[in-house]
Amino acid sequence: MAAGRIEIDTGTRELLCEIRDRVAVITLNRPEARNALSDRLTPALRRMVKQCGDDPGVGALLITGAGSAFCAGGDVKGMGGNSNKAEIPFEERVADLRTKQRTLTGALVAVRKPTIAALPGPAAGAGLALALACDIRIASESAIMSTGYARIGLTGDYGIAWLLTRLVGTSRARELMFLSERIDARRCETLGLVNRVVPDAEIREASFALARSLAEGPSIALACIKDNLDHALKSDFLDSMDQEAENMVRSSRTTDHKEAVRAFVDKRKPAFAGR
């Protein structure tokens, strides 16, 4: 194990996780299948999102894919051949999917630390939902996004409708869901689906540098900022300001705020401690 790097046992080689410079790097590791979700990868991903989200030694989560893809979503080839699922009662299947959604993208959205998705290539279906559930998305120039569901006669899951509508608005969300077109990285950036596009060769270095800068930040303030932004989605202006007032006072009392003020006066980089 290299200095400053801690490898985490995920229980499967289909998902890799290491903590480096307070960044939890979670890598979907099925490059031969474009990192499609599986019965081994997905439960491990759920565990790592929760474990790293709760770990005080982690300041930011970076989710990416091995090889030249981010995540192709579900295993389409296996969808038609699973006769066992057809025998499960409707209500039971709905309850099972609800639980799976809440403990994956639901848990990821609930993480009170910065989360970054690095897309070295395609993100489709549930893989797209996974990327959109992160706070920030960085894409390589060759990356593409596609909802994909309508192409195989499905409606969408893992929060895709909610996430798309809030990121690009209802008109674009309908276009993306109905047409299931492959959207290239530059158009994704224009639509607001990704925050930055970088050359393919720089995707891993650039995304880690961003994650590390956030992991070094004032963790209490960043968590409160996420609270404010989430609250703003469901509140009116005055209620939103009331929430901001509470968190502003809370953050002003932290050691990190005092350190940032001293660093500003001293013209140096602050050393945040999460207190």
Protein backbone atom coordinates (compact mmCIF):
# COMPACT_ATOMS: atom_id res chain seq x y z
CA MET A 1 0.00 0.00 0.00
CA ALA A 2 1.46 3.34 -1.05
CA ALA A 3 1.88 6.17 1.46
CA GLY A 4 -1.28 8.21 1.83
CA ARG A 5 -3.36 5.60 0.03
CA ILE A 6 -5.73 3.18 1.73
CA GLU A 7 -7.32 0.40 -0.29
CA ILE A 8 -10.81 -0.59 0.83
CA ASP A 9 -12.10 -4.14 0.46
CA THR A 10 -15.40 -3.84 -1.41
CA GLY A 11 -16.06 -7.59 -1.45
CA THR A 12 -15.69 -7.86 -5.22
CA ARG A 13 -13.20 -6.98 -7.94
CA GLU A 14 -16.09 -5.47 -9.89
CA LEU A 15 -15.82 -2.40 -7.65
CA LEU A 16 -12.58 -0.81 -6.50
CA CYS A 17 -12.24 1.76 -3.73
CA GLU A 18 -9.29 3.61 -2.29
CA ILE A 19 -8.92 6.65 -0.06
CA ARG A 20 -6.25 9.05 -1.22
CA ASP A 21 -5.70 12.58 0.15
CA ARG A 22 -9.13 12.38 1.85
CA VAL A 23 -10.78 11.50 -1.47
CA ALA A 24 -12.66 8.21 -1.73
CA VAL A 25 -12.09 7.06 -5.32
CA ILE A 26 -14.79 4.53 -6.19
CA THR A 27 -14.22 2.79 -9.53
CA LEU A 28 -16.77 0.67 -11.35
CA ASN A 29 -14.55 -2.13 -12.63
CA ARG A 30 -16.30 -4.10 -15.37
CA PRO A 31 -14.59 -2.52 -18.40
CA GLU A 32 -15.43 -5.52 -20.59
CA ALA A 33 -19.14 -4.74 -20.03
CA ARG A 34 -18.76 -0.92 -20.10
CA ASN A 35 -19.09 -1.05 -16.29
CA ALA A 36 -22.74 -2.12 -16.44
CA LEU A 37 -24.33 -2.69 -13.06
CA SER A 38 -24.46 -6.29 -11.84
CA ASP A 39 -25.60 -8.36 -8.87
CA ARG A 40 -22.09 -8.08 -7.41
CA LEU A 41 -21.11 -4.54 -8.40
CA THR A 42 -24.30 -2.76 -7.34
CA PRO A 43 -24.57 -4.04 -3.73
CA ALA A 44 -20.88 -3.23 -3.24
CA LEU A 45 -21.45 0.27 -4.62
CA ARG A 46 -24.29 0.79 -2.16
CA ARG A 47 -22.03 -0.23 0.72
CA MET A 48 -19.17 2.01 -0.39
CA VAL A 49 -21.37 5.09 -0.87
CA LYS A 50 -22.66 4.73 2.69
CA GLN A 51 -19.32 3.74 4.21
CA CYS A 52 -17.37 6.56 2.56
CA GLY A 53 -20.18 9.04 3.14
CA ASP A 54 -20.06 8.29 6.87
CA ASP A 55 -16.25 8.11 7.17
CA PRO A 56 -14.85 11.25 8.88
CA GLY A 57 -11.54 10.59 7.12
CA VAL A 58 -13.20 11.15 3.73
CA GLY A 59 -13.77 14.69 2.54
CA ALA A 60 -15.12 14.00 -0.96
CA LEU A 61 -16.31 11.07 -3.09
CA LEU A 62 -15.13 10.56 -6.67
CA ILE A 63 -17.00 7.96 -8.71
CA THR A 64 -15.62 6.83 -12.06
CA GLY A 65 -15.40 3.84 -14.37
CA ALA A 66 -12.49 1.67 -15.43
CA GLY A 67 -11.46 1.68 -19.08
CA SER A 68 -13.30 3.82 -21.60
CA ALA A 69 -16.79 3.98 -20.06
CA PHE A 70 -18.46 5.38 -16.96
CA CYS A 71 -21.46 3.05 -16.66
CA ALA A 72 -23.75 1.55 -19.30
CA GLY A 73 -26.57 1.13 -16.78
CA GLY A 74 -28.33 -2.20 -16.35
CA ASP A 75 -27.42 -5.43 -18.09
CA VAL A 76 -29.83 -5.29 -21.05
CA LYS A 77 -28.83 -8.72 -22.37
CA GLY A 78 -29.92 -10.35 -19.13
CA MET A 79 -33.25 -8.54 -18.84
CA GLY A 80 -35.26 -10.79 -21.14
CA GLY A 81 -33.95 -14.08 -19.84
CA ASN A 82 -34.76 -13.77 -16.15
CA SER A 83 -37.93 -15.81 -15.79
CA ASN A 84 -37.67 -15.92 -12.00
CA LYS A 85 -38.43 -12.19 -11.73
CA ALA A 86 -41.63 -12.62 -13.73
CA GLU A 87 -42.95 -14.94 -11.02
CA ILE A 88 -42.42 -12.39 -8.23
CA PRO A 89 -45.63 -10.49 -7.32
CA PHE A 90 -45.86 -6.94 -8.70
CA GLU A 91 -46.01 -5.28 -5.25
CA GLU A 92 -42.94 -7.20 -4.08
CA ARG A 93 -40.91 -6.18 -7.12
CA VAL A 94 -41.92 -2.54 -6.69
CA ALA A 95 -40.95 -2.58 -3.01
CA ASP A 96 -37.61 -4.20 -3.86
CA LEU A 97 -36.77 -1.62 -6.53
CA ARG A 98 -37.76 1.24 -4.23
CA THR A 99 -35.33 -0.04 -1.61
CA LYS A 100 -32.56 -0.48 -4.17
CA GLN A 101 -33.07 3.05 -5.50
CA ARG A 102 -33.12 4.67 -2.05
CA THR A 103 -29.92 2.89 -1.01
CA LEU A 104 -27.99 3.81 -4.16
CA THR A 105 -28.76 7.14 -5.84
CA GLY A 106 -30.94 8.10 -2.87
CA ALA A 107 -28.01 7.53 -0.52
CA LEU A 108 -25.61 9.31 -2.88
CA VAL A 109 -27.78 12.44 -3.03
CA ALA A 110 -28.02 12.34 0.78
CA VAL A 111 -24.23 12.35 1.29
CA ARG A 112 -23.28 15.64 2.96
CA LYS A 113 -19.88 15.80 1.28
CA PRO A 114 -18.99 16.92 -2.25
CA THR A 115 -19.51 14.12 -4.77
CA ILE A 116 -17.93 14.11 -8.22
CA ALA A 117 -18.56 11.84 -11.20
CA ALA A 118 -15.69 11.47 -13.68
CA LEU A 119 -16.89 10.20 -17.06
CA PRO A 120 -14.14 8.67 -19.22
CA GLY A 121 -16.84 7.52 -21.64
CA PRO A 122 -20.55 6.63 -21.94
CA ALA A 123 -23.08 7.02 -19.13
CA ALA A 124 -26.48 5.53 -19.93
CA GLY A 125 -29.67 4.53 -18.16
CA ALA A 126 -29.13 3.92 -14.45
CA GLY A 127 -25.47 4.79 -15.06
CA LEU A 128 -26.57 8.24 -16.17
CA ALA A 129 -28.74 8.56 -13.06
CA LEU A 130 -25.70 7.64 -10.96
CA ALA A 131 -23.66 10.43 -12.57
CA LEU A 132 -26.48 12.98 -12.24
CA ALA A 133 -26.89 12.14 -8.55
CA CYS A 134 -23.39 13.53 -7.94
CA ASP A 135 -22.84 17.23 -7.23
CA ILE A 136 -20.39 17.80 -10.08
CA ARG A 137 -19.71 15.93 -13.32
CA ILE A 138 -16.51 16.09 -15.36
CA ALA A 139 -16.54 14.41 -18.78
CA SER A 140 -13.85 13.47 -21.24
CA GLU A 141 -14.25 14.83 -24.75
CA SER A 142 -15.28 11.40 -26.03
CA ALA A 143 -17.90 10.80 -23.32
CA ILE A 144 -21.56 10.56 -24.25
CA MET A 145 -24.79 10.44 -22.27
CA SER A 146 -28.07 8.74 -23.09
CA THR A 147 -31.16 8.00 -21.02
CA GLY A 148 -31.65 4.84 -23.06
CA TYR A 149 -34.83 3.65 -21.35
CA ALA A 150 -37.33 4.33 -24.15
CA ARG A 151 -35.18 2.39 -26.60
CA ILE A 152 -35.83 -0.81 -24.63
CA GLY A 153 -39.43 -0.04 -23.68
CA LEU A 154 -38.75 1.06 -20.10
CA THR A 155 -39.66 4.23 -18.19
CA GLY A 156 -36.65 5.07 -16.05
CA ASP A 157 -35.47 4.49 -12.48
CA TYR A 158 -32.96 5.56 -9.84
CA GLY A 159 -34.31 9.12 -9.83
CA ILE A 160 -33.61 9.91 -13.49
CA ALA A 161 -36.81 11.95 -13.99
CA TRP A 162 -36.24 14.07 -10.87
CA LEU A 163 -32.54 14.59 -11.56
CA LEU A 164 -32.96 15.49 -15.23
CA THR A 165 -35.86 17.87 -14.63
CA ARG A 166 -33.91 19.83 -12.03
CA LEU A 167 -30.72 19.94 -14.06
CA VAL A 168 -32.04 20.83 -17.53
CA GLY A 169 -35.72 21.76 -17.06
CA THR A 170 -38.87 19.90 -17.99
CA SER A 171 -38.74 20.51 -21.76
CA ARG A 172 -35.19 19.18 -22.19
CA ALA A 173 -35.84 16.33 -19.74
CA ARG A 174 -38.77 15.16 -21.87
CA GLU A 175 -36.68 15.37 -25.02
CA LEU A 176 -33.87 13.35 -23.44
CA MET A 177 -36.23 10.71 -22.04
CA PHE A 178 -38.48 10.34 -25.09
CA LEU A 179 -35.77 10.29 -27.76
CA SER A 180 -33.00 8.49 -25.85
CA GLU A 181 -30.44 10.10 -28.16
CA ARG A 182 -26.70 9.86 -27.63
CA ILE A 183 -25.59 13.32 -26.47
CA ASP A 184 -21.93 14.18 -26.94
CA ALA A 185 -19.86 15.78 -24.18
CA ARG A 186 -19.92 19.34 -25.54
CA ARG A 187 -23.71 19.35 -25.88
CA CYS A 188 -23.97 17.83 -22.41
CA GLU A 189 -21.95 20.78 -21.13
CA THR A 190 -24.20 23.24 -22.97
CA LEU A 191 -27.33 21.60 -21.53
CA GLY A 192 -25.90 21.61 -18.00
CA LEU A 193 -25.59 17.84 -17.72
CA VAL A 194 -21.84 18.12 -17.11
CA ASN A 195 -19.87 20.93 -15.50
CA ARG A 196 -16.60 20.59 -17.39
CA VAL A 197 -15.21 18.77 -20.43
CA VAL A 198 -11.52 17.90 -20.51
CA PRO A 199 -9.27 16.03 -22.97
CA ASP A 200 -9.56 12.25 -22.66
CA ALA A 201 -6.01 11.89 -21.37
CA GLU A 202 -6.67 14.38 -18.55
CA ILE A 203 -9.99 13.08 -17.18
CA ARG A 204 -8.62 11.14 -14.21
CA GLU A 205 -6.03 13.71 -13.18
CA ALA A 206 -8.42 16.66 -13.55
CA SER A 207 -11.28 15.02 -11.69
CA PHE A 208 -9.05 13.89 -8.82
CA ALA A 209 -7.51 17.37 -8.51
CA LEU A 210 -10.98 18.87 -8.20
CA ALA A 211 -12.07 16.22 -5.68
CA ARG A 212 -8.94 16.75 -3.62
CA SER A 213 -9.43 20.52 -3.52
CA LEU A 214 -12.98 19.99 -2.22
CA ALA A 215 -11.86 17.33 0.27
CA GLU A 216 -9.42 19.89 1.70
CA GLY A 217 -12.22 22.43 2.10
CA PRO A 218 -14.28 23.50 5.13
CA SER A 219 -16.39 20.35 5.57
CA ILE A 220 -19.01 21.85 7.88
CA ALA A 221 -19.60 24.80 5.56
CA LEU A 222 -19.75 22.53 2.49
CA ALA A 223 -22.32 20.28 4.17
CA CYS A 224 -24.43 23.33 5.06
CA ILE A 225 -24.13 24.64 1.50
CA LYS A 226 -25.53 21.31 0.26
CA ASP A 227 -28.36 21.63 2.78
CA ASN A 228 -29.13 25.15 1.53
CA LEU A 229 -29.12 24.13 -2.13
CA ASP A 230 -31.29 21.06 -1.51
CA HIS A 231 -33.72 23.11 0.58
CA ALA A 232 -33.95 25.75 -2.16
CA LEU A 233 -35.44 23.15 -4.53
CA LYS A 234 -38.55 22.80 -2.39
CA SER A 235 -38.95 26.15 -0.61
CA ASP A 236 -39.98 29.70 -1.42
CA PHE A 237 -37.54 32.62 -1.32
CA LEU A 238 -38.18 33.76 2.26
CA ASP A 239 -38.03 30.20 3.63
CA SER A 240 -34.80 29.66 1.73
CA MET A 241 -33.28 32.80 3.24
CA ASP A 242 -34.32 31.67 6.73
CA GLN A 243 -32.46 28.41 6.17
CA GLU A 244 -29.42 30.32 4.93
CA ALA A 245 -29.44 32.55 8.02
CA GLU A 246 -29.33 29.54 10.34
CA ASN A 247 -26.47 27.87 8.47
CA MET A 248 -24.56 31.14 8.05
CA VAL A 249 -24.51 31.70 11.79
CA ARG A 250 -23.64 28.04 12.40
CA SER A 251 -20.68 28.17 10.00
CA SER A 252 -19.48 31.51 11.39
CA ARG A 253 -18.91 29.82 14.75
CA THR A 254 -16.63 27.11 13.37
CA THR A 255 -12.89 26.87 13.84
CA ASP A 256 -12.59 26.56 10.07
CA HIS A 257 -14.13 30.00 9.55
CA LYS A 258 -11.73 31.56 12.03
CA GLU A 259 -8.81 29.80 10.34
CA ALA A 260 -9.94 31.04 6.92
CA VAL A 261 -10.06 34.64 8.17
CA ARG A 262 -6.56 34.34 9.66
CA ALA A 263 -5.27 32.79 6.43
CA PHE A 264 -6.82 35.63 4.41
CA VAL A 265 -5.05 38.21 6.57
CA ASP A 266 -1.78 36.25 6.44
CA LYS A 267 -2.12 35.74 2.67
CA ARG A 268 -1.73 31.97 2.91
CA LYS A 269 -3.78 28.86 2.16
CA PRO A 270 -6.10 27.91 5.04
CA ALA A 271 -5.67 24.57 6.76
CA PHE A 272 -9.19 23.37 7.50
CA ALA A 273 -9.79 20.83 10.28
CA GLY A 274 -13.50 20.14 9.96
CA ARG A 275 -14.36 21.86 13.23
